Protein backbone atom coordinates (compact mmCIF):
# COMPACT_ATOMS: atom_id res chain seq x y z
CA MET A 1 0.11 0.19 -0.01
CA ASP A 2 1.35 3.43 -0.86
CA HIS A 3 1.81 5.14 2.59
CA SER A 4 0.64 8.57 0.78
CA LEU A 5 -3.01 7.00 0.60
CA ILE A 6 -3.10 6.72 4.58
CA THR A 7 -4.38 9.85 5.96
CA THR A 8 -5.79 11.43 9.18
CA SER A 9 -8.18 13.46 6.76
CA THR A 10 -11.45 12.28 5.63
CA SER A 11 -10.59 12.71 2.07
CA LEU A 12 -7.54 12.28 -0.22
CA GLU A 13 -6.92 15.28 -2.63
CA GLY A 14 -6.71 14.13 -6.09
CA TYR A 15 -8.72 10.83 -5.36
CA ARG A 16 -12.09 9.72 -5.63
CA ILE A 17 -13.35 7.14 -3.09
CA VAL A 18 -14.88 4.24 -4.92
CA LYS A 19 -15.92 2.30 -2.14
CA HIS A 20 -15.85 2.49 1.66
CA LEU A 21 -14.75 -1.15 3.01
CA GLY A 22 -15.12 -0.47 6.89
CA VAL A 23 -13.10 0.00 9.74
CA VAL A 24 -9.45 -1.37 9.92
CA ARG A 25 -7.26 -1.62 12.93
CA GLY A 26 -3.71 -2.86 14.06
CA ILE A 27 -3.19 -3.46 17.73
CA THR A 28 -0.28 -4.28 19.89
CA VAL A 29 0.33 -4.49 23.49
CA ARG A 30 3.89 -3.75 24.75
CA SER A 31 5.80 -3.59 28.03
CA ARG A 32 9.43 -2.66 28.74
CA SER A 33 11.69 -5.15 30.24
CA ILE A 34 13.00 -4.82 33.78
CA GLY A 35 16.31 -3.68 32.48
CA GLY A 36 14.62 -1.13 30.23
CA ASN A 37 12.60 -0.10 33.27
CA ILE A 38 15.85 0.44 35.44
CA ALA A 39 17.33 2.46 32.56
CA GLY A 40 14.39 4.37 32.22
CA GLY A 41 14.23 5.31 35.97
CA PHE A 42 18.04 6.34 35.81
CA GLN A 43 17.07 8.74 32.73
CA SER A 44 14.15 10.01 34.75
CA LEU A 45 16.28 11.10 37.51
CA PHE A 46 18.07 13.69 35.09
CA GLY A 47 14.94 14.93 33.52
CA GLY A 48 14.57 15.74 29.76
CA ARG A 49 13.97 13.28 26.87
CA LEU A 50 13.53 9.53 28.19
CA SER A 51 14.88 7.86 25.18
CA ILE A 52 14.30 4.32 26.53
CA TYR A 53 10.48 5.13 26.54
CA VAL A 54 10.43 7.00 23.37
CA GLU A 55 11.89 4.14 21.55
CA LEU A 56 9.38 1.72 23.15
CA CYS A 57 6.42 4.18 22.06
CA GLU A 58 7.81 4.55 18.56
CA ASN A 59 8.13 0.66 18.11
CA ALA A 60 4.48 0.19 19.25
CA ARG A 61 3.03 2.78 17.11
CA GLU A 62 4.95 1.36 14.05
CA GLU A 63 3.80 -2.11 14.73
CA ALA A 64 0.10 -1.18 15.10
CA TYR A 65 0.49 0.78 11.98
CA GLN A 66 1.96 -2.20 9.98
CA LEU A 67 -0.81 -4.30 11.42
CA LEU A 68 -3.51 -1.53 10.33
CA ILE A 69 -1.92 -1.58 6.64
CA GLN A 70 -2.11 -5.45 6.54
CA HIS A 71 -5.70 -5.46 7.80
CA ALA A 72 -6.69 -2.89 4.94
CA GLN A 73 -5.05 -5.10 2.24
CA ALA A 74 -6.56 -8.20 3.36
CA ILE A 75 -10.00 -6.78 2.74
CA GLY A 76 -8.93 -5.10 -0.60
CA ALA A 77 -8.30 -1.42 0.40
CA ASN A 78 -5.48 0.68 -1.19
CA ALA A 79 -6.21 3.51 1.16
CA VAL A 80 -6.99 4.37 4.68
CA ILE A 81 -8.65 7.49 5.59
CA ASN A 82 -9.19 9.21 8.95
CA MET A 83 -6.55 7.42 10.31
CA ARG A 84 -5.98 7.60 14.23
CA TYR A 85 -3.89 6.11 17.11
CA ASP A 86 -5.08 5.31 20.50
CA ALA A 87 -3.12 4.15 23.49
CA ASN A 88 -4.57 2.62 26.87
CA GLU A 89 -2.71 1.19 29.86
CA VAL A 90 -3.87 -2.47 30.25
CA MET A 91 -2.23 -2.76 33.68
CA GLN A 92 0.91 -1.01 35.21
CA GLY A 93 3.79 -0.84 32.79
CA VAL A 94 1.64 -2.75 30.07
CA THR A 95 0.30 -0.30 27.26
CA GLU A 96 -2.13 -1.21 24.38
CA VAL A 97 -1.56 0.80 21.22
CA LEU A 98 -4.34 1.01 18.44
CA ALA A 99 -4.11 2.34 14.97
CA TYR A 100 -7.40 2.44 13.31
CA GLY A 101 -9.15 3.98 10.23
CA THR A 102 -11.73 3.67 7.55
CA ALA A 103 -10.30 1.30 4.75
CA ALA A 104 -11.40 2.55 1.22
CA ALA A 105 -10.67 1.77 -2.49
CA VAL A 106 -9.82 5.10 -4.13
CA GLU A 107 -8.97 5.80 -7.76
CA LYS A 108 -7.03 8.96 -9.00
CA ILE A 109 -9.05 11.68 -10.56
């Protein structure tokens, strides 16, 4: 899937939505290892950017995004509109990350 056809907008400029195919999603649940938590704890003592946790969050979002794309392709979509992320803490130290949107078949105008 062309990543330029995945948008947070409700339309794609230069394309016509031929068919809405429904909601698609990608979900992952992640936690940091004990070593990562210790390293993150040390980083937090000094303040500033917590790179250990930034990396965890980026990896979780990327995984959810890739799963969203796979779901969209599996139902015949070539675009995803109104794409969003959501995150919830499942339990202390365990976070769910969800990427979701509306799968669509689009054609260039």
